[in-house]
Amino acid sequence: QLQLVESGGDLVQPGGSLRLSCVGSGFPFDNYVIGWFRQGPGKGREAVSIISSSGAGTNYANSVRGRFTISRDNAKNTVYLQMNNLEPEDTAVYYCAGKEGREDYGLSHNPNAYTYWGQGTQVTVSS
């Protein structure tokens, strides 16, 4: 059974940091592009950061570039999202999602392109 499980969400003060993890099982993890998406209160789901199956290719939403870093450890079937200098606007449910593919460029930010989704982890940035 294919599964993606997120963890690491929490309540943090503005300027703080969190590291989210996404663990995959039941599929060849190193053949999958993995993306982090988020959905804030009253907002649509948006891409935050995407990483290629090898880890060689990454991209970021303009709103998080320079503050967030995506990485993966295929030996552990895990993708990480290191989030620094968090802002209240980062408050959202964060989801990881996967799509089969070995491309390192042209990584899609379209949620509809992703086949498998985790249940989400809540990140709240507030003083």
C-alpha atoms as a PDB file:
ATOM      1  CA  GLN A   1       0.000   0.000   0.000  1.00  0.00           C
ATOM      2  CA  LEU A   2       1.476   3.306  -1.112  1.00  0.00           C
ATOM      3  CA  GLN A   3       1.728   5.777   1.729  1.00  0.00           C
ATOM      4  CA  LEU A   4       3.159   9.228   2.437  1.00  0.00           C
ATOM      5  CA  VAL A   5       3.280  10.370   6.058  1.00  0.00           C
ATOM      6  CA  GLU A   6       4.175  13.874   7.147  1.00  0.00           C
ATOM      7  CA  SER A   7       5.429  14.907  10.578  1.00  0.00           C
ATOM      8  CA  GLY A   8       7.085  17.835  12.307  1.00  0.00           C
ATOM      9  CA  GLY A   9       4.334  20.437  12.322  1.00  0.00           C
ATOM     10  CA  ASP A  10       3.983  22.542  15.447  1.00  0.00           C
ATOM     11  CA  LEU A  11       3.172  25.941  16.918  1.00  0.00           C
ATOM     12  CA  VAL A  12       6.185  28.260  16.585  1.00  0.00           C
ATOM     13  CA  GLN A  13       6.825  31.956  17.122  1.00  0.00           C
ATOM     14  CA  PRO A  14       7.601  34.288  14.214  1.00  0.00           C
ATOM     15  CA  GLY A  15      11.259  33.999  13.309  1.00  0.00           C
ATOM     16  CA  GLY A  16      11.411  30.417  14.509  1.00  0.00           C
ATOM     17  CA  SER A  17      12.297  27.224  12.647  1.00  0.00           C
ATOM     18  CA  LEU A  18      10.765  23.831  11.992  1.00  0.00           C
ATOM     19  CA  ARG A  19      11.783  20.763  10.012  1.00  0.00           C
ATOM     20  CA  LEU A  20       9.057  18.748   8.347  1.00  0.00           C
ATOM     21  CA  SER A  21       9.563  15.147   7.273  1.00  0.00           C
ATOM     22  CA  CYS A  22       7.743  13.088   4.673  1.00  0.00           C
ATOM     23  CA  VAL A  23       8.272   9.339   4.764  1.00  0.00           C
ATOM     24  CA  GLY A  24       7.176   7.191   1.844  1.00  0.00           C
ATOM     25  CA  SER A  25       6.435   3.487   1.723  1.00  0.00           C
ATOM     26  CA  GLY A  26       4.977   0.943  -0.663  1.00  0.00           C
ATOM     27  CA  PHE A  27       6.526   2.352  -3.831  1.00  0.00           C
ATOM     28  CA  PRO A  28       9.986   2.920  -5.390  1.00  0.00           C
ATOM     29  CA  PHE A  29      10.683   6.194  -3.581  1.00  0.00           C
ATOM     30  CA  ASP A  30      13.758   7.047  -5.649  1.00  0.00           C
ATOM     31  CA  ASN A  31      11.651   7.071  -8.820  1.00  0.00           C
ATOM     32  CA  TYR A  32       9.313   9.769  -7.524  1.00  0.00           C
ATOM     33  CA  VAL A  33       9.340  13.543  -7.585  1.00  0.00           C
ATOM     34  CA  ILE A  34       8.178  14.770  -4.184  1.00  0.00           C
ATOM     35  CA  GLY A  35       6.610  18.135  -3.488  1.00  0.00           C
ATOM     36  CA  TRP A  36       5.629  20.065  -0.414  1.00  0.00           C
ATOM     37  CA  PHE A  37       2.351  21.946  -0.711  1.00  0.00           C
ATOM     38  CA  ARG A  38       0.392  23.990   1.787  1.00  0.00           C
ATOM     39  CA  GLN A  39      -3.127  25.200   2.320  1.00  0.00           C
ATOM     40  CA  GLY A  40      -3.713  28.137   4.613  1.00  0.00           C
ATOM     41  CA  PRO A  41      -7.027  29.190   6.155  1.00  0.00           C
ATOM     42  CA  GLY A  42      -9.413  30.204   3.383  1.00  0.00           C
ATOM     43  CA  LYS A  43      -6.801  29.669   0.699  1.00  0.00           C
ATOM     44  CA  GLY A  44      -6.190  27.217  -2.089  1.00  0.00           C
ATOM     45  CA  ARG A  45      -3.465  24.614  -2.086  1.00  0.00           C
ATOM     46  CA  GLU A  46      -0.146  25.990  -3.295  1.00  0.00           C
ATOM     47  CA  ALA A  47       3.241  24.517  -4.038  1.00  0.00           C
ATOM     48  CA  VAL A  48       5.992  25.370  -1.585  1.00  0.00           C
ATOM     49  CA  SER A  49       8.954  23.374  -2.850  1.00  0.00           C
ATOM     50  CA  ILE A  50       9.629  20.453  -5.164  1.00  0.00           C
ATOM     51  CA  ILE A  51      12.553  18.026  -5.345  1.00  0.00           C
ATOM     52  CA  SER A  52      13.458  15.653  -8.129  1.00  0.00           C
ATOM     53  CA  SER A  53      13.746  11.903  -7.618  1.00  0.00           C
ATOM     54  CA  SER A  54      17.549  12.080  -7.443  1.00  0.00           C
ATOM     55  CA  GLY A  55      17.592  15.248  -5.342  1.00  0.00           C
ATOM     56  CA  ALA A  56      19.618  17.077  -7.975  1.00  0.00           C
ATOM     57  CA  GLY A  57      16.761  19.372  -8.963  1.00  0.00           C
ATOM     58  CA  THR A  58      14.831  21.653  -6.619  1.00  0.00           C
ATOM     59  CA  ASN A  59      12.616  24.686  -6.855  1.00  0.00           C
ATOM     60  CA  TYR A  60      10.759  26.968  -4.509  1.00  0.00           C
ATOM     61  CA  ALA A  61       7.821  29.315  -4.365  1.00  0.00           C
ATOM     62  CA  ASN A  62       8.932  32.939  -4.396  1.00  0.00           C
ATOM     63  CA  SER A  63       7.402  33.450  -0.963  1.00  0.00           C
ATOM     64  CA  VAL A  64       9.715  30.916   0.702  1.00  0.00           C
ATOM     65  CA  ARG A  65      12.889  31.095  -1.387  1.00  0.00           C
ATOM     66  CA  GLY A  66      15.855  31.826   0.868  1.00  0.00           C
ATOM     67  CA  ARG A  67      14.004  30.723   4.006  1.00  0.00           C
ATOM     68  CA  PHE A  68      13.045  27.104   3.226  1.00  0.00           C
ATOM     69  CA  THR A  69      15.285  24.247   2.068  1.00  0.00           C
ATOM     70  CA  ILE A  70      14.093  20.953   0.642  1.00  0.00           C
ATOM     71  CA  SER A  71      16.236  17.813   0.703  1.00  0.00           C
ATOM     72  CA  ARG A  72      15.821  14.076   0.491  1.00  0.00           C
ATOM     73  CA  ASP A  73      17.478  10.890   1.740  1.00  0.00           C
ATOM     74  CA  ASN A  74      16.427   8.088  -0.567  1.00  0.00           C
ATOM     75  CA  ALA A  75      18.077   5.502   1.677  1.00  0.00           C
ATOM     76  CA  LYS A  76      15.531   6.497   4.320  1.00  0.00           C
ATOM     77  CA  ASN A  77      12.638   7.111   1.905  1.00  0.00           C
ATOM     78  CA  THR A  78      12.365  10.594   3.390  1.00  0.00           C
ATOM     79  CA  VAL A  79      12.048  14.148   2.126  1.00  0.00           C
ATOM     80  CA  TYR A  80      12.663  17.054   4.482  1.00  0.00           C
ATOM     81  CA  LEU A  81      11.567  20.670   4.465  1.00  0.00           C
ATOM     82  CA  GLN A  82      13.712  22.892   6.669  1.00  0.00           C
ATOM     83  CA  MET A  83      11.781  26.084   7.392  1.00  0.00           C
ATOM     84  CA  ASN A  84      13.622  29.051   8.874  1.00  0.00           C
ATOM     85  CA  ASN A  85      12.574  32.596   9.728  1.00  0.00           C
ATOM     86  CA  LEU A  86       8.936  31.561   9.776  1.00  0.00           C
ATOM     87  CA  GLU A  87       6.260  34.190   9.285  1.00  0.00           C
ATOM     88  CA  PRO A  88       2.580  34.209  10.296  1.00  0.00           C
ATOM     89  CA  GLU A  89       1.753  33.930   6.590  1.00  0.00           C
ATOM     90  CA  ASP A  90       3.382  30.476   6.607  1.00  0.00           C
ATOM     91  CA  THR A  91       0.568  29.164   8.806  1.00  0.00           C
ATOM     92  CA  ALA A  92      -1.051  26.286   6.933  1.00  0.00           C
ATOM     93  CA  VAL A  93      -1.510  22.563   6.698  1.00  0.00           C
ATOM     94  CA  TYR A  94       1.552  21.232   4.896  1.00  0.00           C
ATOM     95  CA  TYR A  95       1.214  18.225   2.626  1.00  0.00           C
ATOM     96  CA  CYS A  96       3.756  16.142   0.776  1.00  0.00           C
ATOM     97  CA  ALA A  97       2.822  14.607  -2.538  1.00  0.00           C
ATOM     98  CA  GLY A  98       4.465  12.331  -5.073  1.00  0.00           C
ATOM     99  CA  LYS A  99       4.487  11.775  -8.807  1.00  0.00           C
ATOM    100  CA  GLU A 100       6.456   9.229 -10.740  1.00  0.00           C
ATOM    101  CA  GLY A 101       9.283  10.731 -12.728  1.00  0.00           C
ATOM    102  CA  ARG A 102      13.045  10.999 -12.959  1.00  0.00           C
ATOM    103  CA  GLU A 103      13.337  14.497 -14.418  1.00  0.00           C
ATOM    104  CA  ASP A 104      15.606  17.002 -12.661  1.00  0.00           C
ATOM    105  CA  TYR A 105      14.182  20.053 -14.431  1.00  0.00           C
ATOM    106  CA  GLY A 106      10.755  21.455 -15.180  1.00  0.00           C
ATOM    107  CA  LEU A 107       9.401  20.223 -11.846  1.00  0.00           C
ATOM    108  CA  SER A 108       5.686  20.889 -11.738  1.00  0.00           C
ATOM    109  CA  HIS A 109       4.084  23.181  -9.167  1.00  0.00           C
ATOM    110  CA  ASN A 110       0.600  22.085 -10.230  1.00  0.00           C
ATOM    111  CA  PRO A 111      -1.046  20.022  -7.446  1.00  0.00           C
ATOM    112  CA  ASN A 112      -3.090  18.182 -10.067  1.00  0.00           C
ATOM    113  CA  ALA A 113       0.102  16.671 -11.448  1.00  0.00           C
ATOM    114  CA  TYR A 114       0.720  14.756  -8.215  1.00  0.00           C
ATOM    115  CA  THR A 115      -0.829  11.362  -7.756  1.00  0.00           C
ATOM    116  CA  TYR A 116      -0.280  10.495  -4.126  1.00  0.00           C
ATOM    117  CA  TRP A 117      -0.795  12.683  -1.067  1.00  0.00           C
ATOM    118  CA  GLY A 118      -0.177  12.497   2.646  1.00  0.00           C
ATOM    119  CA  GLN A 119      -2.674  13.541   5.303  1.00  0.00           C
ATOM    120  CA  GLY A 120      -0.900  16.776   6.205  1.00  0.00           C
ATOM    121  CA  THR A 121       0.758  18.331   9.238  1.00  0.00           C
ATOM    122  CA  GLN A 122      -0.277  21.623  10.816  1.00  0.00           C
ATOM    123  CA  VAL A 123       2.188  24.497  11.047  1.00  0.00           C
ATOM    124  CA  THR A 124       1.083  27.523  13.045  1.00  0.00           C
ATOM    125  CA  VAL A 125       3.254  30.622  13.307  1.00  0.00           C
ATOM    126  CA  SER A 126       2.018  32.935  16.013  1.00  0.00           C
ATOM    127  CA  SER A 127       3.242  34.889  18.998  1.00  0.00           C
END
